[in-house]
Amino acid sequence: MASTTDNVIDSNDESHLKVLKDQILSNLRILQPDIKDPIITSAFEKNKNKESEDAGLWTASVWNDDKEVLYCTYGIHVDLVTAMRTLLRLTSVAVDAKLDKWQKTWRSAVYTDDGLKYD
């Protein structure tokens, strides 16, 4: 894995990032199935106060089809993999909340002669 202040992505990071992006996209299919082509982006902002070219922070974001930001890890990470992990955590927490809501809905379901009813 690249050093924490290195803005260069090595091959191990690339494969790790692919897995993270696939998991984020999987979460988005649950959260927002109407979005056809979600966009996952990342950006590196150089720290102007540091001498090193590699010093700075990473941001990762998910955008919908209308170019609106859905989730963002605004400039708090020193490497891209950590930024993507945080983005995965954000979408995973949202999936957990949605699944919890669905579970509560199904628990309140009552079978009647007219079919399934919800409280």
PDB file of N, CA and C in Angstrom:
ATOM      1  N   MET A   1       0.841  -1.176   0.000  1.00  0.00           N
ATOM      2  CA  MET A   1       0.000   0.000   0.000  1.00  0.00           C
ATOM      3  C   MET A   1       0.885   1.238   0.000  1.00  0.00           C
ATOM      4  N   ALA A   2       0.439   2.269  -0.623  1.00  0.00           N
ATOM      5  CA  ALA A   2       1.208   3.511  -0.699  1.00  0.00           C
ATOM      6  C   ALA A   2       1.331   4.141   0.673  1.00  0.00           C
ATOM      7  N   SER A   3       2.380   4.925   0.835  1.00  0.00           N
ATOM      8  CA  SER A   3       2.543   5.603   2.119  1.00  0.00           C
ATOM      9  C   SER A   3       1.386   6.568   2.339  1.00  0.00           C
ATOM     10  N   THR A   4       1.167   6.924   3.587  1.00  0.00           N
ATOM     11  CA  THR A   4      -0.009   7.723   3.918  1.00  0.00           C
ATOM     12  C   THR A   4       0.035   9.134   3.362  1.00  0.00           C
ATOM     13  N   THR A   5       1.191   9.598   2.976  1.00  0.00           N
ATOM     14  CA  THR A   5       1.262  10.948   2.403  1.00  0.00           C
ATOM     15  C   THR A   5       1.544  10.912   0.910  1.00  0.00           C
ATOM     16  N   ASP A   6       1.434   9.755   0.310  1.00  0.00           N
ATOM     17  CA  ASP A   6       1.764   9.584  -1.098  1.00  0.00           C
ATOM     18  C   ASP A   6       0.494   9.672  -1.941  1.00  0.00           C
ATOM     19  N   ASN A   7       0.457  10.572  -2.919  1.00  0.00           N
ATOM     20  CA  ASN A   7      -0.725  10.666  -3.767  1.00  0.00           C
ATOM     21  C   ASN A   7      -0.599   9.803  -5.019  1.00  0.00           C
ATOM     22  N   VAL A   8       0.361   8.895  -5.052  1.00  0.00           N
ATOM     23  CA  VAL A   8       0.547   7.952  -6.142  1.00  0.00           C
ATOM     24  C   VAL A   8      -0.134   6.642  -5.757  1.00  0.00           C
ATOM     25  N   ILE A   9      -0.889   6.061  -6.687  1.00  0.00           N
ATOM     26  CA  ILE A   9      -1.620   4.824  -6.432  1.00  0.00           C
ATOM     27  C   ILE A   9      -0.817   3.659  -7.003  1.00  0.00           C
ATOM     28  N   ASP A  10      -0.502   2.660  -6.152  1.00  0.00           N
ATOM     29  CA  ASP A  10       0.214   1.486  -6.650  1.00  0.00           C
ATOM     30  C   ASP A  10      -0.782   0.390  -7.034  1.00  0.00           C
ATOM     31  N   SER A  11      -0.280  -0.732  -7.574  1.00  0.00           N
ATOM     32  CA  SER A  11      -1.158  -1.785  -8.086  1.00  0.00           C
ATOM     33  C   SER A  11      -1.979  -2.449  -6.983  1.00  0.00           C
ATOM     34  N   ASN A  12      -1.423  -2.594  -5.777  1.00  0.00           N
ATOM     35  CA  ASN A  12      -2.200  -3.156  -4.668  1.00  0.00           C
ATOM     36  C   ASN A  12      -3.367  -2.245  -4.320  1.00  0.00           C
ATOM     37  N   ASP A  13      -3.105  -0.948  -4.303  1.00  0.00           N
ATOM     38  CA  ASP A  13      -4.171   0.017  -4.025  1.00  0.00           C
ATOM     39  C   ASP A  13      -5.242  -0.035  -5.111  1.00  0.00           C
ATOM     40  N   GLU A  14      -4.828  -0.180  -6.359  1.00  0.00           N
ATOM     41  CA  GLU A  14      -5.791  -0.223  -7.462  1.00  0.00           C
ATOM     42  C   GLU A  14      -6.761  -1.375  -7.302  1.00  0.00           C
ATOM     43  N   SER A  15      -6.269  -2.562  -6.950  1.00  0.00           N
ATOM     44  CA  SER A  15      -7.167  -3.707  -6.780  1.00  0.00           C
ATOM     45  C   SER A  15      -8.051  -3.522  -5.551  1.00  0.00           C
ATOM     46  N   HIS A  16      -7.500  -2.956  -4.494  1.00  0.00           N
ATOM     47  CA  HIS A  16      -8.286  -2.680  -3.293  1.00  0.00           C
ATOM     48  C   HIS A  16      -9.376  -1.651  -3.599  1.00  0.00           C
ATOM     49  N   LEU A  17      -9.030  -0.628  -4.353  1.00  0.00           N
ATOM     50  CA  LEU A  17     -10.000   0.403  -4.723  1.00  0.00           C
ATOM     51  C   LEU A  17     -11.120  -0.162  -5.587  1.00  0.00           C
ATOM     52  N   LYS A  18     -10.798  -1.090  -6.473  1.00  0.00           N
ATOM     53  CA  LYS A  18     -11.830  -1.710  -7.310  1.00  0.00           C
ATOM     54  C   LYS A  18     -12.835  -2.452  -6.443  1.00  0.00           C
ATOM     55  N   VAL A  19     -12.351  -3.214  -5.465  1.00  0.00           N
ATOM     56  CA  VAL A  19     -13.244  -3.942  -4.557  1.00  0.00           C
ATOM     57  C   VAL A  19     -14.114  -2.965  -3.767  1.00  0.00           C
ATOM     58  N   LEU A  20     -13.503  -1.910  -3.240  1.00  0.00           N
ATOM     59  CA  LEU A  20     -14.262  -0.912  -2.478  1.00  0.00           C
ATOM     60  C   LEU A  20     -15.340  -0.257  -3.343  1.00  0.00           C
ATOM     61  N   LYS A  21     -14.991   0.122  -4.567  1.00  0.00           N
ATOM     62  CA  LYS A  21     -15.962   0.754  -5.465  1.00  0.00           C
ATOM     63  C   LYS A  21     -17.100  -0.202  -5.800  1.00  0.00           C
ATOM     64  N   ASP A  22     -16.785  -1.479  -6.026  1.00  0.00           N
ATOM     65  CA  ASP A  22     -17.827  -2.470  -6.304  1.00  0.00           C
ATOM     66  C   ASP A  22     -18.785  -2.605  -5.124  1.00  0.00           C
ATOM     67  N   GLN A  23     -18.251  -2.592  -3.902  1.00  0.00           N
ATOM     68  CA  GLN A  23     -19.099  -2.688  -2.715  1.00  0.00           C
ATOM     69  C   GLN A  23     -19.960  -1.438  -2.551  1.00  0.00           C
ATOM     70  N   ILE A  24     -19.391  -0.277  -2.833  1.00  0.00           N
ATOM     71  CA  ILE A  24     -20.160   0.972  -2.764  1.00  0.00           C
ATOM     72  C   ILE A  24     -21.295   0.930  -3.789  1.00  0.00           C
ATOM     73  N   LEU A  25     -21.005   0.491  -5.006  1.00  0.00           N
ATOM     74  CA  LEU A  25     -22.035   0.393  -6.041  1.00  0.00           C
ATOM     75  C   LEU A  25     -23.121  -0.600  -5.649  1.00  0.00           C
ATOM     76  N   SER A  26     -22.735  -1.689  -5.012  1.00  0.00           N
ATOM     77  CA  SER A  26     -23.712  -2.666  -4.524  1.00  0.00           C
ATOM     78  C   SER A  26     -24.641  -2.027  -3.496  1.00  0.00           C
ATOM     79  N   ASN A  27     -24.072  -1.252  -2.579  1.00  0.00           N
ATOM     80  CA  ASN A  27     -24.889  -0.542  -1.591  1.00  0.00           C
ATOM     81  C   ASN A  27     -25.840   0.439  -2.277  1.00  0.00           C
ATOM     82  N   LEU A  28     -25.356   1.121  -3.306  1.00  0.00           N
ATOM     83  CA  LEU A  28     -26.189   2.102  -4.008  1.00  0.00           C
ATOM     84  C   LEU A  28     -27.358   1.448  -4.735  1.00  0.00           C
ATOM     85  N   ARG A  29     -27.186   0.208  -5.196  1.00  0.00           N
ATOM     86  CA  ARG A  29     -28.293  -0.495  -5.841  1.00  0.00           C
ATOM     87  C   ARG A  29     -29.427  -0.745  -4.848  1.00  0.00           C
ATOM     88  N   ILE A  30     -29.091  -0.905  -3.572  1.00  0.00           N
ATOM     89  CA  ILE A  30     -30.103  -1.068  -2.528  1.00  0.00           C
ATOM     90  C   ILE A  30     -30.689   0.289  -2.144  1.00  0.00           C
ATOM     91  N   LEU A  31     -29.827   1.274  -1.982  1.00  0.00           N
ATOM     92  CA  LEU A  31     -30.253   2.586  -1.499  1.00  0.00           C
ATOM     93  C   LEU A  31     -31.027   3.392  -2.539  1.00  0.00           C
ATOM     94  N   GLN A  32     -30.557   3.389  -3.753  1.00  0.00           N
ATOM     95  CA  GLN A  32     -31.128   4.238  -4.803  1.00  0.00           C
ATOM     96  C   GLN A  32     -31.204   3.454  -6.118  1.00  0.00           C
ATOM     97  N   PRO A  33     -32.086   2.442  -6.189  1.00  0.00           N
ATOM     98  CA  PRO A  33     -32.135   1.609  -7.398  1.00  0.00           C
ATOM     99  C   PRO A  33     -32.525   2.379  -8.662  1.00  0.00           C
ATOM    100  N   ASP A  34     -33.105   3.566  -8.509  1.00  0.00           N
ATOM    101  CA  ASP A  34     -33.499   4.366  -9.665  1.00  0.00           C
ATOM    102  C   ASP A  34     -32.319   5.055 -10.349  1.00  0.00           C
ATOM    103  N   ILE A  35     -31.185   5.119  -9.685  1.00  0.00           N
ATOM    104  CA  ILE A  35     -29.999   5.737 -10.287  1.00  0.00           C
ATOM    105  C   ILE A  35     -29.350   4.728 -11.228  1.00  0.00           C
ATOM    106  N   LYS A  36     -29.321   5.076 -12.497  1.00  0.00           N
ATOM    107  CA  LYS A  36     -28.789   4.158 -13.513  1.00  0.00           C
ATOM    108  C   LYS A  36     -27.266   4.072 -13.480  1.00  0.00           C
ATOM    109  N   ASP A  37     -26.617   5.218 -13.440  1.00  0.00           N
ATOM    110  CA  ASP A  37     -25.160   5.260 -13.511  1.00  0.00           C
ATOM    111  C   ASP A  37     -24.581   6.157 -12.423  1.00  0.00           C
ATOM    112  N   PRO A  38     -24.515   5.656 -11.177  1.00  0.00           N
ATOM    113  CA  PRO A  38     -23.898   6.482 -10.134  1.00  0.00           C
ATOM    114  C   PRO A  38     -22.420   6.702 -10.451  1.00  0.00           C
ATOM    115  N   ILE A  39     -21.915   7.816 -10.018  1.00  0.00           N
ATOM    116  CA  ILE A  39     -20.527   8.177 -10.297  1.00  0.00           C
ATOM    117  C   ILE A  39     -19.771   8.258  -8.979  1.00  0.00           C
ATOM    118  N   ILE A  40     -18.657   7.552  -8.903  1.00  0.00           N
ATOM    119  CA  ILE A  40     -17.789   7.615  -7.730  1.00  0.00           C
ATOM    120  C   ILE A  40     -16.547   8.393  -8.144  1.00  0.00           C
ATOM    121  N   THR A  41     -16.267   9.465  -7.423  1.00  0.00           N
ATOM    122  CA  THR A  41     -15.117  10.298  -7.766  1.00  0.00           C
ATOM    123  C   THR A  41     -14.185  10.438  -6.574  1.00  0.00           C
ATOM    124  N   SER A  42     -12.976  10.850  -6.875  1.00  0.00           N
ATOM    125  CA  SER A  42     -12.015  11.159  -5.817  1.00  0.00           C
ATOM    126  C   SER A  42     -11.195  12.361  -6.271  1.00  0.00           C
ATOM    127  N   ALA A  43     -10.692  13.083  -5.300  1.00  0.00           N
ATOM    128  CA  ALA A  43      -9.882  14.262  -5.609  1.00  0.00           C
ATOM    129  C   ALA A  43      -8.797  14.411  -4.556  1.00  0.00           C
ATOM    130  N   PHE A  44      -7.643  14.861  -4.992  1.00  0.00           N
ATOM    131  CA  PHE A  44      -6.522  15.120  -4.094  1.00  0.00           C
ATOM    132  C   PHE A  44      -6.290  16.616  -4.045  1.00  0.00           C
ATOM    133  N   GLU A  45      -6.290  17.163  -2.847  1.00  0.00           N
ATOM    134  CA  GLU A  45      -6.016  18.594  -2.676  1.00  0.00           C
ATOM    135  C   GLU A  45      -4.677  18.756  -1.979  1.00  0.00           C
ATOM    136  N   LYS A  46      -3.753  19.363  -2.685  1.00  0.00           N
ATOM    137  CA  LYS A  46      -2.408  19.566  -2.147  1.00  0.00           C
ATOM    138  C   LYS A  46      -2.455  20.540  -0.981  1.00  0.00           C
ATOM    139  N   ASN A  47      -1.703  20.226   0.053  1.00  0.00           N
ATOM    140  CA  ASN A  47      -1.584  21.110   1.209  1.00  0.00           C
ATOM    141  C   ASN A  47      -0.596  22.219   0.853  1.00  0.00           C
ATOM    142  N   LYS A  48      -1.082  23.419   0.762  1.00  0.00           N
ATOM    143  CA  LYS A  48      -0.243  24.553   0.331  1.00  0.00           C
ATOM    144  C   LYS A  48       0.788  24.951   1.380  1.00  0.00           C
ATOM    145  N   ASN A  49       0.581  24.539   2.613  1.00  0.00           N
ATOM    146  CA  ASN A  49       1.500  24.902   3.695  1.00  0.00           C
ATOM    147  C   ASN A  49       2.691  23.951   3.809  1.00  0.00           C
ATOM    148  N   LYS A  50       2.688  22.873   3.038  1.00  0.00           N
ATOM    149  CA  LYS A  50       3.757  21.872   3.118  1.00  0.00           C
ATOM    150  C   LYS A  50       4.655  21.972   1.894  1.00  0.00           C
ATOM    151  N   GLU A  51       5.923  21.657   2.097  1.00  0.00           N
ATOM    152  CA  GLU A  51       6.899  21.690   1.001  1.00  0.00           C
ATOM    153  C   GLU A  51       6.696  20.523   0.031  1.00  0.00           C
ATOM    154  N   SER A  52       6.315  19.365   0.557  1.00  0.00           N
ATOM    155  CA  SER A  52       6.214  18.156  -0.244  1.00  0.00           C
ATOM    156  C   SER A  52       5.081  18.241  -1.264  1.00  0.00           C
ATOM    157  N   GLU A  53       5.354  17.732  -2.467  1.00  0.00           N
ATOM    158  CA  GLU A  53       4.332  17.668  -3.513  1.00  0.00           C
ATOM    159  C   GLU A  53       3.240  16.668  -3.151  1.00  0.00           C
ATOM    160  N   ASP A  54       3.579  15.673  -2.306  1.00  0.00           N
ATOM    161  CA  ASP A  54       2.639  14.613  -1.972  1.00  0.00           C
ATOM    162  C   ASP A  54       1.774  14.929  -0.761  1.00  0.00           C
ATOM    163  N   ALA A  55       2.040  16.027  -0.062  1.00  0.00           N
ATOM    164  CA  ALA A  55       1.277  16.355   1.143  1.00  0.00           C
ATOM    165  C   ALA A  55      -0.077  16.938   0.754  1.00  0.00           C
ATOM    166  N   GLY A  56      -1.130  16.363   1.306  1.00  0.00           N
ATOM    167  CA  GLY A  56      -2.470  16.854   1.016  1.00  0.00           C
ATOM    168  C   GLY A  56      -3.519  15.891   1.526  1.00  0.00           C
ATOM    169  N   LEU A  57      -4.752  16.125   1.135  1.00  0.00           N
ATOM    170  CA  LEU A  57      -5.871  15.323   1.616  1.00  0.00           C
ATOM    171  C   LEU A  57      -6.729  14.830   0.458  1.00  0.00           C
ATOM    172  N   TRP A  58      -7.336  13.657   0.671  1.00  0.00           N
ATOM    173  CA  TRP A  58      -8.199  13.032  -0.323  1.00  0.00           C
ATOM    174  C   TRP A  58      -9.661  13.222   0.045  1.00  0.00           C
ATOM    175  N   THR A  59     -10.478  13.372  -0.975  1.00  0.00           N
ATOM    176  CA  THR A  59     -11.930  13.411  -0.843  1.00  0.00           C
ATOM    177  C   THR A  59     -12.495  12.351  -1.777  1.00  0.00           C
ATOM    178  N   ALA A  60     -13.534  11.641  -1.319  1.00  0.00           N
ATOM    179  CA  ALA A  60     -14.237  10.683  -2.172  1.00  0.00           C
ATOM    180  C   ALA A  60     -15.724  11.021  -2.129  1.00  0.00           C
ATOM    181  N   SER A  61     -16.392  10.874  -3.275  1.00  0.00           N
ATOM    182  CA  SER A  61     -17.808  11.247  -3.363  1.00  0.00           C
ATOM    183  C   SER A  61     -18.575  10.285  -4.253  1.00  0.00           C
ATOM    184  N   VAL A  62     -19.888  10.209  -4.009  1.00  0.00           N
ATOM    185  CA  VAL A  62     -20.807   9.492  -4.888  1.00  0.00           C
ATOM    186  C   VAL A  62     -21.826  10.505  -5.390  1.00  0.00           C
ATOM    187  N   TRP A  63     -22.044  10.491  -6.699  1.00  0.00           N
ATOM    188  CA  TRP A  63     -22.966  11.422  -7.360  1.00  0.00           C
ATOM    189  C   TRP A  63     -24.082  10.631  -8.029  1.00  0.00           C
ATOM    190  N   ASN A  64     -25.261  11.236  -8.143  1.00  0.00           N
ATOM    191  CA  ASN A  64     -26.346  10.584  -8.873  1.00  0.00           C
ATOM    192  C   ASN A  64     -26.329  11.018 -10.339  1.00  0.00           C
ATOM    193  N   ASP A  65     -27.341  10.575 -11.092  1.00  0.00           N
ATOM    194  CA  ASP A  65     -27.416  10.896 -12.525  1.00  0.00           C
ATOM    195  C   ASP A  65     -27.555  12.392 -12.797  1.00  0.00           C
ATOM    196  N   ASP A  66     -28.119  13.118 -11.837  1.00  0.00           N
ATOM    197  CA  ASP A  66     -28.333  14.559 -11.997  1.00  0.00           C
ATOM    198  C   ASP A  66     -27.160  15.386 -11.489  1.00  0.00           C
ATOM    199  N   LYS A  67     -26.059  14.725 -11.236  1.00  0.00           N
ATOM    200  CA  LYS A  67     -24.830  15.377 -10.761  1.00  0.00           C
ATOM    201  C   LYS A  67     -25.002  16.041  -9.399  1.00  0.00           C
ATOM    202  N   GLU A  68     -25.791  15.387  -8.538  1.00  0.00           N
ATOM    203  CA  GLU A  68     -25.944  15.823  -7.151  1.00  0.00           C
ATOM    204  C   GLU A  68     -25.126  14.890  -6.271  1.00  0.00           C
ATOM    205  N   VAL A  69     -24.434  15.444  -5.293  1.00  0.00           N
ATOM    206  CA  VAL A  69     -23.635  14.626  -4.382  1.00  0.00           C
ATOM    207  C   VAL A  69     -24.561  13.907  -3.408  1.00  0.00           C
ATOM    208  N   LEU A  70     -24.407  12.588  -3.317  1.00  0.00           N
ATOM    209  CA  LEU A  70     -25.194  11.793  -2.378  1.00  0.00           C
ATOM    210  C   LEU A  70     -24.426  11.541  -1.087  1.00  0.00           C
ATOM    211  N   TYR A  71     -23.151  11.205  -1.226  1.00  0.00           N
ATOM    212  CA  TYR A  71     -22.280  10.928  -0.078  1.00  0.00           C
ATOM    213  C   TYR A  71     -20.913  11.525  -0.376  1.00  0.00           C
ATOM    214  N   CYS A  72     -20.257  12.039   0.667  1.00  0.00           N
ATOM    215  CA  CYS A  72     -18.956  12.674   0.458  1.00  0.00           C
ATOM    216  C   CYS A  72     -18.108  12.578   1.724  1.00  0.00           C
ATOM    217  N   THR A  73     -16.815  12.323   1.543  1.00  0.00           N
ATOM    218  CA  THR A  73     -15.858  12.320   2.658  1.00  0.00           C
ATOM    219  C   THR A  73     -14.942  13.508   2.462  1.00  0.00           C
ATOM    220  N   TYR A  74     -15.426  14.673   2.671  1.00  0.00           N
ATOM    221  CA  TYR A  74     -14.743  15.911   2.309  1.00  0.00           C
ATOM    222  C   TYR A  74     -13.363  16.047   2.942  1.00  0.00           C
ATOM    223  N   GLY A  75     -12.323  16.007   2.123  1.00  0.00           N
ATOM    224  CA  GLY A  75     -10.934  16.307   2.435  1.00  0.00           C
ATOM    225  C   GLY A  75     -10.411  16.019   3.824  1.00  0.00           C
ATOM    226  N   ILE A  76     -10.640  14.805   4.318  1.00  0.00           N
ATOM    227  CA  ILE A  76     -10.164  14.485   5.666  1.00  0.00           C
ATOM    228  C   ILE A  76      -9.191  13.320   5.682  1.00  0.00           C
ATOM    229  N   HIS A  77      -8.879  12.759   4.536  1.00  0.00           N
ATOM    230  CA  HIS A  77      -8.078  11.539   4.486  1.00  0.00           C
ATOM    231  C   HIS A  77      -6.719  11.773   3.845  1.00  0.00           C
ATOM    232  N   VAL A  78      -5.716  11.103   4.396  1.00  0.00           N
ATOM    233  CA  VAL A  78      -4.363  11.266   3.872  1.00  0.00           C
ATOM    234  C   VAL A  78      -4.049  10.289   2.750  1.00  0.00           C
ATOM    235  N   ASP A  79      -4.927   9.291   2.528  1.00  0.00           N
ATOM    236  CA  ASP A  79      -4.735   8.419   1.366  1.00  0.00           C
ATOM    237  C   ASP A  79      -6.086   8.055   0.760  1.00  0.00           C
ATOM    238  N   LEU A  80      -6.070   7.700  -0.506  1.00  0.00           N
ATOM    239  CA  LEU A  80      -7.293   7.434  -1.253  1.00  0.00           C
ATOM    240  C   LEU A  80      -8.028   6.205  -0.737  1.00  0.00           C
ATOM    241  N   VAL A  81      -7.309   5.154  -0.387  1.00  0.00           N
ATOM    242  CA  VAL A  81      -7.954   3.931   0.094  1.00  0.00           C
ATOM    243  C   VAL A  81      -8.770   4.220   1.353  1.00  0.00           C
ATOM    244  N   THR A  82      -8.225   4.997   2.268  1.00  0.00           N
ATOM    245  CA  THR A  82      -8.956   5.341   3.487  1.00  0.00           C
ATOM    246  C   THR A  82     -10.187   6.184   3.160  1.00  0.00           C
ATOM    247  N   ALA A  83     -10.067   7.095   2.220  1.00  0.00           N
ATOM    248  CA  ALA A  83     -11.224   7.903   1.811  1.00  0.00           C
ATOM    249  C   ALA A  83     -12.328   7.009   1.251  1.00  0.00           C
ATOM    250  N   MET A  84     -11.958   6.030   0.420  1.00  0.00           N
ATOM    251  CA  MET A  84     -12.955   5.117  -0.151  1.00  0.00           C
ATOM    252  C   MET A  84     -13.549   4.198   0.919  1.00  0.00           C
ATOM    253  N   ARG A  85     -12.725   3.776   1.867  1.00  0.00           N
ATOM    254  CA  ARG A  85     -13.258   2.965   2.973  1.00  0.00           C
ATOM    255  C   ARG A  85     -14.311   3.744   3.752  1.00  0.00           C
ATOM    256  N   THR A  86     -14.056   5.014   3.981  1.00  0.00           N
ATOM    257  CA  THR A  86     -15.022   5.853   4.691  1.00  0.00           C
ATOM    258  C   THR A  86     -16.295   6.011   3.867  1.00  0.00           C
ATOM    259  N   LEU A  87     -16.151   6.172   2.568  1.00  0.00           N
ATOM    260  CA  LEU A  87     -17.316   6.261   1.690  1.00  0.00           C
ATOM    261  C   LEU A  87     -18.121   4.961   1.746  1.00  0.00           C
ATOM    262  N   LEU A  88     -17.438   3.826   1.769  1.00  0.00           N
ATOM    263  CA  LEU A  88     -18.120   2.543   1.910  1.00  0.00           C
ATOM    264  C   LEU A  88     -18.855   2.474   3.248  1.00  0.00           C
ATOM    265  N   ARG A  89     -18.208   2.941   4.312  1.00  0.00           N
ATOM    266  CA  ARG A  89     -18.864   2.960   5.628  1.00  0.00           C
ATOM    267  C   ARG A  89     -20.130   3.809   5.605  1.00  0.00           C
ATOM    268  N   LEU A  90     -20.058   4.971   4.986  1.00  0.00           N
ATOM    269  CA  LEU A  90     -21.234   5.849   4.894  1.00  0.00           C
ATOM    270  C   LEU A  90     -22.396   5.155   4.190  1.00  0.00           C
ATOM    271  N   THR A  91     -22.113   4.516   3.054  1.00  0.00           N
ATOM    272  CA  THR A  91     -23.189   3.843   2.324  1.00  0.00           C
ATOM    273  C   THR A  91     -23.664   2.600   3.065  1.00  0.00           C
ATOM    274  N   SER A  92     -22.768   1.917   3.762  1.00  0.00           N
ATOM    275  CA  SER A  92     -23.156   0.720   4.522  1.00  0.00           C
ATOM    276  C   SER A  92     -24.070   1.068   5.691  1.00  0.00           C
ATOM    277  N   VAL A  93     -23.787   2.170   6.366  1.00  0.00           N
ATOM    278  CA  VAL A  93     -24.651   2.620   7.465  1.00  0.00           C
ATOM    279  C   VAL A  93     -26.036   2.961   6.921  1.00  0.00           C
ATOM    280  N   ALA A  94     -26.088   3.597   5.767  1.00  0.00           N
ATOM    281  CA  ALA A  94     -27.374   3.932   5.153  1.00  0.00           C
ATOM    282  C   ALA A  94     -28.143   2.668   4.764  1.00  0.00           C
ATOM    283  N   VAL A  95     -27.444   1.646   4.257  1.00  0.00           N
ATOM    284  CA  VAL A  95     -28.088   0.373   3.924  1.00  0.00           C
ATOM    285  C   VAL A  95     -28.636  -0.278   5.190  1.00  0.00           C
ATOM    286  N   ASP A  96     -27.846  -0.307   6.259  1.00  0.00           N
ATOM    287  CA  ASP A  96     -28.312  -0.880   7.528  1.00  0.00           C
ATOM    288  C   ASP A  96     -29.585  -0.193   8.008  1.00  0.00           C
ATOM    289  N   ALA A  97     -29.627   1.126   7.916  1.00  0.00           N
ATOM    290  CA  ALA A  97     -30.812   1.875   8.344  1.00  0.00           C
ATOM    291  C   ALA A  97     -32.022   1.523   7.481  1.00  0.00           C
ATOM    292  N   LYS A  98     -31.793   1.393   6.174  1.00  0.00           N
ATOM    293  CA  LYS A  98     -32.899   1.054   5.273  1.00  0.00           C
ATOM    294  C   LYS A  98     -33.400  -0.363   5.540  1.00  0.00           C
ATOM    295  N   LEU A  99     -32.490  -1.302   5.742  1.00  0.00           N
ATOM    296  CA  LEU A  99     -32.895  -2.680   6.030  1.00  0.00           C
ATOM    297  C   LEU A  99     -33.625  -2.772   7.364  1.00  0.00           C
ATOM    298  N   ASP A 100     -33.188  -2.000   8.347  1.00  0.00           N
ATOM    299  CA  ASP A 100     -33.863  -1.965   9.641  1.00  0.00           C
ATOM    300  C   ASP A 100     -35.290  -1.452   9.483  1.00  0.00           C
ATOM    301  N   LYS A 101     -35.458  -0.428   8.677  1.00  0.00           N
ATOM    302  CA  LYS A 101     -36.796   0.126   8.420  1.00  0.00           C
ATOM    303  C   LYS A 101     -37.680  -0.914   7.731  1.00  0.00           C
ATOM    304  N   TRP A 102     -37.135  -1.603   6.729  1.00  0.00           N
ATOM    305  CA  TRP A 102     -37.895  -2.651   6.048  1.00  0.00           C
ATOM    306  C   TRP A 102     -38.304  -3.750   7.021  1.00  0.00           C
ATOM    307  N   GLN A 103     -37.362  -4.147   7.887  1.00  0.00           N
ATOM    308  CA  GLN A 103     -37.641  -5.210   8.851  1.00  0.00           C
ATOM    309  C   GLN A 103     -38.776  -4.804   9.792  1.00  0.00           C
ATOM    310  N   LYS A 104     -38.760  -3.574  10.265  1.00  0.00           N
ATOM    311  CA  LYS A 104     -39.833  -3.095  11.143  1.00  0.00           C
ATOM    312  C   LYS A 104     -41.168  -3.080  10.407  1.00  0.00           C
ATOM    313  N   THR A 105     -41.142  -2.726   9.126  1.00  0.00           N
ATOM    314  CA  THR A 105     -42.371  -2.723   8.328  1.00  0.00           C
ATOM    315  C   THR A 105     -42.931  -4.133   8.218  1.00  0.00           C
ATOM    316  N   TRP A 106     -42.068  -5.098   7.926  1.00  0.00           N
ATOM    317  CA  TRP A 106     -42.533  -6.473   7.781  1.00  0.00           C
ATOM    318  C   TRP A 106     -43.016  -7.052   9.104  1.00  0.00           C
ATOM    319  N   ARG A 107     -42.387  -6.661  10.208  1.00  0.00           N
ATOM    320  CA  ARG A 107     -42.837  -7.143  11.518  1.00  0.00           C
ATOM    321  C   ARG A 107     -44.235  -6.638  11.853  1.00  0.00           C
ATOM    322  N   SER A 108     -44.589  -5.473  11.328  1.00  0.00           N
ATOM    323  CA  SER A 108     -45.902  -4.906  11.624  1.00  0.00           C
ATOM    324  C   SER A 108     -46.973  -5.408  10.652  1.00  0.00           C
ATOM    325  N   ALA A 109     -46.589  -6.240   9.701  1.00  0.00           N
ATOM    326  CA  ALA A 109     -47.543  -6.747   8.719  1.00  0.00           C
ATOM    327  C   ALA A 109     -48.494  -7.752   9.364  1.00  0.00           C
ATOM    328  N   VAL A 110     -49.748  -7.690   8.933  1.00  0.00           N
ATOM    329  CA  VAL A 110     -50.780  -8.597   9.435  1.00  0.00           C
ATOM    330  C   VAL A 110     -51.483  -9.208   8.231  1.00  0.00           C
ATOM    331  N   TYR A 111     -51.621 -10.529   8.256  1.00  0.00           N
ATOM    332  CA  TYR A 111     -52.341 -11.198   7.184  1.00  0.00           C
ATOM    333  C   TYR A 111     -53.838 -11.108   7.450  1.00  0.00           C
ATOM    334  N   THR A 112     -54.587 -10.709   6.444  1.00  0.00           N
ATOM    335  CA  THR A 112     -56.045 -10.635   6.549  1.00  0.00           C
ATOM    336  C   THR A 112     -56.637 -11.349   5.344  1.00  0.00           C
ATOM    337  N   ASP A 113     -57.953 -11.444   5.317  1.00  0.00           N
ATOM    338  CA  ASP A 113     -58.622 -12.056   4.165  1.00  0.00           C
ATOM    339  C   ASP A 113     -58.389 -11.252   2.886  1.00  0.00           C
ATOM    340  N   ASP A 114     -58.129  -9.957   3.048  1.00  0.00           N
ATOM    341  CA  ASP A 114     -57.903  -9.079   1.898  1.00  0.00           C
ATOM    342  C   ASP A 114     -56.435  -9.015   1.481  1.00  0.00           C
ATOM    343  N   GLY A 115     -55.592  -9.737   2.162  1.00  0.00           N
ATOM    344  CA  GLY A 115     -54.175  -9.716   1.843  1.00  0.00           C
ATOM    345  C   GLY A 115     -53.347  -9.172   2.992  1.00  0.00           C
ATOM    346  N   LEU A 116     -52.134  -8.806   2.692  1.00  0.00           N
ATOM    347  CA  LEU A 116     -51.192  -8.312   3.692  1.00  0.00           C
ATOM    348  C   LEU A 116     -51.480  -6.851   4.013  1.00  0.00           C
ATOM    349  N   LYS A 117     -51.618  -6.530   5.294  1.00  0.00           N
ATOM    350  CA  LYS A 117     -51.861  -5.152   5.746  1.00  0.00           C
ATOM    351  C   LYS A 117     -50.731  -4.737   6.676  1.00  0.00           C
ATOM    352  N   TYR A 118     -50.408  -3.457   6.646  1.00  0.00           N
ATOM    353  CA  TYR A 118     -49.353  -2.911   7.498  1.00  0.00           C
ATOM    354  C   TYR A 118     -49.958  -1.927   8.476  1.00  0.00           C
ATOM    355  N   ASP A 119     -49.429  -1.940   9.703  1.00  0.00           N
ATOM    356  CA  ASP A 119     -49.894  -0.960  10.701  1.00  0.00           C
ATOM    357  C   ASP A 119     -49.334   0.397  10.408  1.00  0.00           C
TER     358      ASP A 119
END
